[in-house]
Amino acid sequence: MPKHTTFADINCAEGYLDIPVRYKNLEWTGFQCSSKIYQNQGYAAYNCNIIYTNNNSEFVSFCFGNGSISVRHLNMLFGVTSLDVSVSAPWNFHLTITGYRKSMLINTYTSTFMGPQLMHIDLRWTDIDELIFSSNCHFLLIDLVLTRAF
């Protein structure tokens, strides 16, 4: 059964907060949590308009460009159904997402688009233990839909 990871249960009303260790039983590297209000205030000075998914959460995850999500500590696998990524400024955004199982490359997704924009990405990947994000600028991870493969 797919589960939405929306960061609604992390209270990070002001500034940025590291995503807690083992949040949702996952290892998060390179991601922080922030409120949508804080993001809007920060980008208002640049006349940027952040586009969000209506996911019933006041919080989002922020990545500075490179990050990973893993369950290697559990020696288990998971699946990624989809995710929503938002770029808030008029940047030419390049994103590569790679899925690994036991350090072996399983899947790769690459996209380039111009911000500001919200991008819904359908992956439907199964049986991975690590998801790596690589981009040329920071982005918001609004919604992440995972399935457990165990």
N, C-alpha and C. Protein backbone atom coordinates (compact mmCIF):
# COMPACT_ATOMS: atom_id res chain seq x y z
N MET A 1 0.84 -1.18 0.00
CA MET A 1 0.00 0.00 0.00
C MET A 1 0.89 1.25 0.00
N PRO A 2 0.75 2.12 -0.99
CA PRO A 2 1.56 3.35 -1.03
C PRO A 2 1.28 4.26 0.16
N LYS A 3 2.32 4.89 0.67
CA LYS A 3 2.19 5.83 1.77
C LYS A 3 2.84 7.15 1.39
N HIS A 4 2.11 8.24 1.64
CA HIS A 4 2.62 9.57 1.36
C HIS A 4 3.52 10.03 2.51
N THR A 5 4.69 10.51 2.18
CA THR A 5 5.58 11.12 3.15
C THR A 5 5.49 12.61 2.89
N THR A 6 4.78 13.34 3.78
CA THR A 6 4.50 14.76 3.57
C THR A 6 5.16 15.65 4.61
N PHE A 7 5.85 15.08 5.58
CA PHE A 7 6.57 15.83 6.63
C PHE A 7 5.62 16.59 7.55
N ALA A 8 4.33 16.20 7.56
CA ALA A 8 3.33 16.89 8.37
C ALA A 8 3.57 16.73 9.86
N ASP A 9 4.28 15.69 10.27
CA ASP A 9 4.49 15.43 11.69
C ASP A 9 5.83 15.94 12.21
N ILE A 10 6.51 16.76 11.42
CA ILE A 10 7.74 17.41 11.88
C ILE A 10 7.43 18.88 12.09
N ASN A 11 7.67 19.39 13.28
CA ASN A 11 7.39 20.80 13.55
C ASN A 11 8.66 21.61 13.34
N CYS A 12 8.72 22.29 12.22
CA CYS A 12 9.87 23.15 11.92
C CYS A 12 9.34 24.48 11.40
N ALA A 13 8.64 25.19 12.26
CA ALA A 13 7.92 26.40 11.87
C ALA A 13 8.84 27.52 11.40
N GLU A 14 10.01 27.65 11.99
CA GLU A 14 10.92 28.72 11.58
C GLU A 14 12.26 28.14 11.19
N GLY A 15 12.78 28.61 10.08
CA GLY A 15 14.09 28.18 9.63
C GLY A 15 14.07 26.76 9.09
N TYR A 16 15.22 26.13 9.19
CA TYR A 16 15.38 24.77 8.69
C TYR A 16 15.73 23.85 9.84
N LEU A 17 15.26 22.62 9.74
CA LEU A 17 15.52 21.61 10.75
C LEU A 17 15.96 20.35 10.02
N ASP A 18 17.04 19.74 10.49
CA ASP A 18 17.43 18.48 9.89
C ASP A 18 16.31 17.46 10.07
N ILE A 19 16.07 16.68 9.05
CA ILE A 19 15.06 15.63 9.18
C ILE A 19 15.56 14.64 10.22
N PRO A 20 14.74 14.30 11.20
CA PRO A 20 15.19 13.44 12.30
C PRO A 20 15.78 12.11 11.81
N VAL A 21 16.75 11.64 12.56
CA VAL A 21 17.38 10.36 12.25
C VAL A 21 16.31 9.28 12.22
N ARG A 22 16.35 8.48 11.18
CA ARG A 22 15.42 7.37 10.98
C ARG A 22 13.96 7.81 10.87
N TYR A 23 13.74 9.04 10.39
CA TYR A 23 12.37 9.51 10.16
C TYR A 23 11.69 8.59 9.15
N LYS A 24 10.53 8.08 9.50
CA LYS A 24 9.78 7.11 8.69
C LYS A 24 10.61 5.85 8.40
N ASN A 25 11.55 5.56 9.30
CA ASN A 25 12.42 4.39 9.20
C ASN A 25 13.40 4.48 8.02
N LEU A 26 13.66 5.70 7.57
CA LEU A 26 14.57 5.94 6.44
C LEU A 26 15.75 6.77 6.91
N GLU A 27 16.88 6.59 6.25
CA GLU A 27 18.05 7.44 6.48
C GLU A 27 18.00 8.58 5.47
N TRP A 28 17.99 9.82 5.95
CA TRP A 28 17.91 11.01 5.10
C TRP A 28 19.25 11.72 5.13
N THR A 29 19.84 11.95 3.98
CA THR A 29 21.11 12.68 3.88
C THR A 29 20.92 13.84 2.91
N GLY A 30 21.28 15.03 3.33
CA GLY A 30 21.20 16.20 2.45
C GLY A 30 19.83 16.84 2.39
N PHE A 31 18.90 16.40 3.24
CA PHE A 31 17.55 16.97 3.26
C PHE A 31 17.29 17.63 4.61
N GLN A 32 16.59 18.75 4.57
CA GLN A 32 16.12 19.41 5.77
C GLN A 32 14.63 19.66 5.62
N CYS A 33 13.98 20.03 6.72
CA CYS A 33 12.56 20.32 6.72
C CYS A 33 12.36 21.81 6.98
N SER A 34 11.31 22.35 6.39
CA SER A 34 10.97 23.75 6.55
C SER A 34 9.47 23.91 6.38
N SER A 35 8.93 25.00 6.88
CA SER A 35 7.50 25.25 6.68
C SER A 35 7.27 25.94 5.34
N LYS A 36 6.08 25.75 4.79
CA LYS A 36 5.73 26.43 3.54
C LYS A 36 5.72 27.94 3.76
N ILE A 37 5.28 28.39 4.93
CA ILE A 37 5.26 29.82 5.24
C ILE A 37 6.68 30.39 5.20
N TYR A 38 7.62 29.69 5.82
CA TYR A 38 9.01 30.14 5.83
C TYR A 38 9.58 30.19 4.41
N GLN A 39 9.28 29.19 3.60
CA GLN A 39 9.75 29.18 2.23
C GLN A 39 9.17 30.36 1.45
N ASN A 40 7.88 30.63 1.62
CA ASN A 40 7.26 31.75 0.91
C ASN A 40 7.87 33.08 1.30
N GLN A 41 8.14 33.26 2.59
CA GLN A 41 8.75 34.51 3.06
C GLN A 41 10.15 34.67 2.48
N GLY A 42 10.91 33.59 2.46
CA GLY A 42 12.28 33.66 1.96
C GLY A 42 12.36 33.99 0.48
N TYR A 43 11.43 33.48 -0.30
CA TYR A 43 11.48 33.70 -1.74
C TYR A 43 10.70 34.92 -2.20
N ALA A 44 9.91 35.53 -1.32
CA ALA A 44 9.14 36.72 -1.69
C ALA A 44 10.06 37.86 -2.12
N ALA A 45 11.21 37.97 -1.49
CA ALA A 45 12.17 39.03 -1.83
C ALA A 45 12.67 38.90 -3.27
N TYR A 46 12.61 37.71 -3.81
CA TYR A 46 13.09 37.47 -5.17
C TYR A 46 11.94 37.40 -6.18
N ASN A 47 10.73 37.79 -5.73
CA ASN A 47 9.52 37.72 -6.57
C ASN A 47 9.28 36.32 -7.12
N CYS A 48 9.58 35.33 -6.32
CA CYS A 48 9.37 33.93 -6.72
C CYS A 48 8.06 33.43 -6.17
N ASN A 49 7.42 32.57 -6.91
CA ASN A 49 6.17 31.99 -6.49
C ASN A 49 6.34 30.48 -6.39
N ILE A 50 6.30 29.96 -5.19
CA ILE A 50 6.48 28.52 -5.00
C ILE A 50 5.15 27.83 -5.23
N ILE A 51 5.18 26.77 -6.01
CA ILE A 51 3.98 26.00 -6.31
C ILE A 51 4.03 24.73 -5.46
N TYR A 52 2.96 24.47 -4.72
CA TYR A 52 2.90 23.32 -3.83
C TYR A 52 1.82 22.35 -4.27
N THR A 53 1.98 21.11 -3.89
CA THR A 53 0.93 20.11 -4.00
C THR A 53 0.04 20.26 -2.79
N ASN A 54 -1.25 20.09 -2.95
CA ASN A 54 -2.15 20.12 -1.81
C ASN A 54 -2.06 18.77 -1.10
N ASN A 55 -1.12 18.66 -0.17
CA ASN A 55 -0.88 17.38 0.49
C ASN A 55 -1.24 17.41 1.98
N ASN A 56 -2.01 18.41 2.38
CA ASN A 56 -2.47 18.52 3.78
C ASN A 56 -1.32 18.61 4.77
N SER A 57 -0.24 19.25 4.36
CA SER A 57 0.90 19.44 5.24
C SER A 57 1.40 20.87 5.12
N GLU A 58 1.79 21.45 6.23
CA GLU A 58 2.37 22.79 6.22
C GLU A 58 3.88 22.76 6.04
N PHE A 59 4.45 21.55 5.90
CA PHE A 59 5.90 21.42 5.86
C PHE A 59 6.37 20.73 4.59
N VAL A 60 7.59 21.03 4.22
CA VAL A 60 8.21 20.44 3.03
C VAL A 60 9.64 20.06 3.36
N SER A 61 10.22 19.27 2.51
CA SER A 61 11.63 18.92 2.65
C SER A 61 12.42 19.75 1.64
N PHE A 62 13.58 20.20 2.06
CA PHE A 62 14.44 21.07 1.26
C PHE A 62 15.75 20.34 1.01
N CYS A 63 16.20 20.33 -0.23
CA CYS A 63 17.49 19.72 -0.56
C CYS A 63 18.35 20.75 -1.27
N PHE A 64 19.60 20.88 -0.85
CA PHE A 64 20.50 21.86 -1.43
C PHE A 64 21.03 21.44 -2.79
N GLY A 65 20.69 20.28 -3.27
CA GLY A 65 21.13 19.85 -4.60
C GLY A 65 21.46 18.38 -4.67
N ASN A 66 22.05 17.84 -3.61
CA ASN A 66 22.39 16.43 -3.59
C ASN A 66 21.94 15.82 -2.28
N GLY A 67 21.24 14.71 -2.38
CA GLY A 67 20.75 14.05 -1.18
C GLY A 67 20.43 12.60 -1.46
N SER A 68 20.15 11.86 -0.38
CA SER A 68 19.78 10.46 -0.55
C SER A 68 18.79 10.04 0.53
N ILE A 69 18.03 9.00 0.19
CA ILE A 69 17.09 8.37 1.11
C ILE A 69 17.38 6.88 1.04
N SER A 70 17.56 6.25 2.19
CA SER A 70 18.05 4.87 2.19
C SER A 70 17.40 4.05 3.30
N VAL A 71 17.35 2.73 3.08
CA VAL A 71 16.96 1.78 4.13
C VAL A 71 18.04 0.72 4.30
N ARG A 72 19.25 1.04 3.89
CA ARG A 72 20.34 0.07 4.00
C ARG A 72 20.58 -0.38 5.44
N HIS A 73 20.32 0.51 6.40
CA HIS A 73 20.52 0.17 7.81
C HIS A 73 19.59 -0.96 8.25
N LEU A 74 18.49 -1.15 7.52
CA LEU A 74 17.54 -2.22 7.85
C LEU A 74 17.77 -3.48 7.03
N ASN A 75 18.64 -3.38 6.04
CA ASN A 75 18.86 -4.49 5.11
C ASN A 75 17.54 -4.94 4.49
N MET A 76 16.74 -3.94 4.10
CA MET A 76 15.44 -4.18 3.48
C MET A 76 15.32 -3.35 2.22
N LEU A 77 14.19 -3.50 1.54
CA LEU A 77 13.95 -2.79 0.30
C LEU A 77 12.66 -1.99 0.39
N PHE A 78 12.54 -1.00 -0.51
CA PHE A 78 11.32 -0.23 -0.60
C PHE A 78 11.06 0.11 -2.06
N GLY A 79 9.91 0.70 -2.32
CA GLY A 79 9.57 1.14 -3.66
C GLY A 79 9.20 2.60 -3.65
N VAL A 80 9.36 3.26 -4.78
CA VAL A 80 8.99 4.66 -4.94
C VAL A 80 7.94 4.74 -6.04
N THR A 81 6.74 5.14 -5.65
CA THR A 81 5.67 5.26 -6.63
C THR A 81 5.79 6.58 -7.38
N SER A 82 5.87 7.69 -6.63
CA SER A 82 5.96 9.00 -7.26
C SER A 82 6.49 10.02 -6.27
N LEU A 83 6.79 11.20 -6.77
CA LEU A 83 7.21 12.30 -5.92
C LEU A 83 6.89 13.61 -6.61
N ASP A 84 6.77 14.67 -5.81
CA ASP A 84 6.54 16.02 -6.33
C ASP A 84 7.72 16.89 -5.91
N VAL A 85 8.32 17.53 -6.90
CA VAL A 85 9.48 18.40 -6.70
C VAL A 85 9.10 19.80 -7.16
N SER A 86 9.47 20.81 -6.37
CA SER A 86 9.19 22.19 -6.74
C SER A 86 10.48 22.99 -6.80
N VAL A 87 10.60 23.75 -7.87
CA VAL A 87 11.71 24.69 -8.03
C VAL A 87 11.08 26.08 -8.03
N SER A 88 11.57 26.96 -7.17
CA SER A 88 10.88 28.21 -6.92
C SER A 88 11.33 29.39 -7.76
N ALA A 89 12.46 29.33 -8.36
CA ALA A 89 13.01 30.47 -9.09
C ALA A 89 13.12 30.14 -10.58
N PRO A 90 13.30 31.15 -11.40
CA PRO A 90 13.41 30.92 -12.85
C PRO A 90 14.77 30.37 -13.25
N TRP A 91 15.04 29.16 -12.78
CA TRP A 91 16.29 28.49 -13.07
C TRP A 91 16.06 27.36 -14.06
N ASN A 92 17.07 27.06 -14.82
CA ASN A 92 17.05 25.87 -15.66
C ASN A 92 17.47 24.72 -14.76
N PHE A 93 16.53 23.90 -14.36
CA PHE A 93 16.72 22.89 -13.32
C PHE A 93 16.99 21.53 -13.95
N HIS A 94 18.09 20.91 -13.54
CA HIS A 94 18.44 19.56 -13.98
C HIS A 94 18.36 18.64 -12.76
N LEU A 95 17.65 17.54 -12.89
CA LEU A 95 17.50 16.60 -11.79
C LEU A 95 17.75 15.19 -12.30
N THR A 96 18.57 14.46 -11.56
CA THR A 96 18.76 13.04 -11.82
C THR A 96 18.45 12.29 -10.53
N ILE A 97 17.62 11.27 -10.64
CA ILE A 97 17.27 10.41 -9.51
C ILE A 97 17.73 9.01 -9.87
N THR A 98 18.47 8.39 -8.99
CA THR A 98 18.93 7.02 -9.25
C THR A 98 18.50 6.11 -8.10
N GLY A 99 18.12 4.91 -8.45
CA GLY A 99 17.73 3.91 -7.47
C GLY A 99 18.73 2.78 -7.47
N TYR A 100 19.13 2.36 -6.27
CA TYR A 100 20.14 1.31 -6.11
C TYR A 100 19.61 0.18 -5.26
N ARG A 101 20.12 -1.00 -5.50
CA ARG A 101 19.91 -2.16 -4.64
C ARG A 101 21.27 -2.78 -4.40
N LYS A 102 21.66 -2.81 -3.13
CA LYS A 102 22.97 -3.37 -2.74
C LYS A 102 24.09 -2.79 -3.60
N SER A 103 24.08 -1.46 -3.73
CA SER A 103 25.08 -0.68 -4.46
C SER A 103 25.07 -0.89 -5.98
N MET A 104 24.10 -1.62 -6.49
CA MET A 104 23.99 -1.80 -7.94
C MET A 104 22.90 -0.88 -8.48
N LEU A 105 23.21 -0.19 -9.56
CA LEU A 105 22.26 0.70 -10.20
C LEU A 105 21.07 -0.10 -10.74
N ILE A 106 19.85 0.31 -10.36
CA ILE A 106 18.64 -0.38 -10.80
C ILE A 106 17.86 0.49 -11.79
N ASN A 107 17.68 1.77 -11.47
CA ASN A 107 16.90 2.69 -12.31
C ASN A 107 17.50 4.08 -12.28
N THR A 108 17.26 4.84 -13.36
CA THR A 108 17.67 6.24 -13.43
C THR A 108 16.57 7.05 -14.08
N TYR A 109 16.34 8.23 -13.52
CA TYR A 109 15.39 9.19 -14.08
C TYR A 109 16.12 10.52 -14.21
N THR A 110 16.01 11.17 -15.38
CA THR A 110 16.63 12.47 -15.59
C THR A 110 15.61 13.41 -16.21
N SER A 111 15.59 14.66 -15.72
CA SER A 111 14.67 15.65 -16.25
C SER A 111 15.32 17.03 -16.19
N THR A 112 14.95 17.85 -17.14
CA THR A 112 15.35 19.25 -17.16
C THR A 112 14.09 20.07 -17.40
N PHE A 113 13.90 21.10 -16.58
CA PHE A 113 12.77 22.00 -16.78
C PHE A 113 13.10 23.36 -16.21
N MET A 114 12.32 24.33 -16.62
CA MET A 114 12.52 25.70 -16.20
C MET A 114 11.60 26.03 -15.04
N GLY A 115 12.15 26.58 -13.98
CA GLY A 115 11.35 26.99 -12.85
C GLY A 115 10.81 28.40 -13.06
N PRO A 116 9.92 28.90 -12.24
CA PRO A 116 9.32 28.15 -11.14
C PRO A 116 8.30 27.14 -11.67
N GLN A 117 8.34 25.98 -11.09
CA GLN A 117 7.45 24.92 -11.54
C GLN A 117 7.39 23.81 -10.51
N LEU A 118 6.24 23.16 -10.48
CA LEU A 118 6.05 21.95 -9.70
C LEU A 118 6.06 20.79 -10.68
N MET A 119 6.86 19.78 -10.39
CA MET A 119 6.99 18.64 -11.28
C MET A 119 6.54 17.38 -10.54
N HIS A 120 5.51 16.72 -11.08
CA HIS A 120 5.09 15.43 -10.55
C HIS A 120 5.84 14.35 -11.33
N ILE A 121 6.53 13.49 -10.63
CA ILE A 121 7.35 12.46 -11.27
C ILE A 121 6.84 11.08 -10.88
N ASP A 122 6.37 10.32 -11.84
CA ASP A 122 5.96 8.94 -11.62
C ASP A 122 7.15 8.03 -11.87
N LEU A 123 7.58 7.32 -10.85
CA LEU A 123 8.71 6.41 -11.01
C LEU A 123 8.28 4.95 -11.04
N ARG A 124 7.45 4.55 -10.09
CA ARG A 124 6.99 3.16 -9.97
C ARG A 124 8.16 2.17 -9.90
N TRP A 125 9.16 2.54 -9.11
CA TRP A 125 10.32 1.67 -8.91
C TRP A 125 10.06 0.77 -7.71
N THR A 126 10.53 -0.45 -7.80
CA THR A 126 10.38 -1.39 -6.68
C THR A 126 11.74 -1.97 -6.33
N ASP A 127 11.80 -2.52 -5.13
CA ASP A 127 12.97 -3.28 -4.68
C ASP A 127 14.28 -2.51 -4.77
N ILE A 128 14.30 -1.32 -4.16
CA ILE A 128 15.55 -0.57 -4.04
C ILE A 128 15.84 -0.36 -2.56
N ASP A 129 17.10 -0.06 -2.26
CA ASP A 129 17.44 0.26 -0.87
C ASP A 129 18.03 1.66 -0.72
N GLU A 130 18.22 2.36 -1.86
CA GLU A 130 18.73 3.73 -1.79
C GLU A 130 18.24 4.52 -2.99
N LEU A 131 17.86 5.75 -2.73
CA LEU A 131 17.41 6.68 -3.75
C LEU A 131 18.32 7.90 -3.66
N ILE A 132 18.99 8.24 -4.75
CA ILE A 132 19.94 9.36 -4.74
C ILE A 132 19.44 10.46 -5.67
N PHE A 133 19.45 11.69 -5.15
CA PHE A 133 19.04 12.87 -5.89
C PHE A 133 20.28 13.71 -6.21
N SER A 134 20.38 14.17 -7.44
CA SER A 134 21.47 15.04 -7.84
C SER A 134 20.90 16.13 -8.73
N SER A 135 21.13 17.39 -8.36
CA SER A 135 20.61 18.50 -9.16
C SER A 135 21.60 19.66 -9.15
N ASN A 136 21.38 20.59 -10.06
CA ASN A 136 22.26 21.74 -10.18
C ASN A 136 21.85 22.89 -9.26
N CYS A 137 20.73 22.78 -8.54
CA CYS A 137 20.31 23.81 -7.60
C CYS A 137 19.38 23.19 -6.56
N HIS A 138 19.04 23.98 -5.55
CA HIS A 138 18.19 23.43 -4.49
C HIS A 138 16.75 23.27 -4.98
N PHE A 139 16.04 22.39 -4.30
CA PHE A 139 14.66 22.10 -4.67
C PHE A 139 13.89 21.67 -3.43
N LEU A 140 12.57 21.71 -3.54
CA LEU A 140 11.70 21.26 -2.47
C LEU A 140 11.11 19.91 -2.84
N LEU A 141 11.17 18.99 -1.92
CA LEU A 141 10.50 17.70 -2.06
C LEU A 141 9.19 17.84 -1.30
N ILE A 142 8.09 17.94 -2.04
CA ILE A 142 6.79 18.25 -1.44
C ILE A 142 6.08 16.99 -0.96
N ASP A 143 6.08 15.98 -1.79
CA ASP A 143 5.36 14.75 -1.49
C ASP A 143 6.16 13.58 -2.05
N LEU A 144 6.31 12.54 -1.27
CA LEU A 144 7.04 11.35 -1.66
C LEU A 144 6.15 10.15 -1.35
N VAL A 145 5.82 9.37 -2.37
CA VAL A 145 4.93 8.23 -2.19
C VAL A 145 5.78 6.96 -2.25
N LEU A 146 5.85 6.27 -1.12
CA LEU A 146 6.69 5.07 -1.00
C LEU A 146 5.83 3.84 -0.76
N THR A 147 6.35 2.72 -1.19
CA THR A 147 5.78 1.43 -0.83
C THR A 147 6.89 0.60 -0.20
N ARG A 148 6.54 -0.13 0.76
CA ARG A 148 7.52 -1.06 1.38
C ARG A 148 7.51 -2.35 0.60
N ALA A 149 8.67 -2.84 0.33
CA ALA A 149 8.77 -4.09 -0.42
C ALA A 149 9.03 -5.28 0.50
N PHE A 150 8.74 -5.10 1.78
CA PHE A 150 8.96 -6.19 2.73
C PHE A 150 7.70 -6.44 3.53
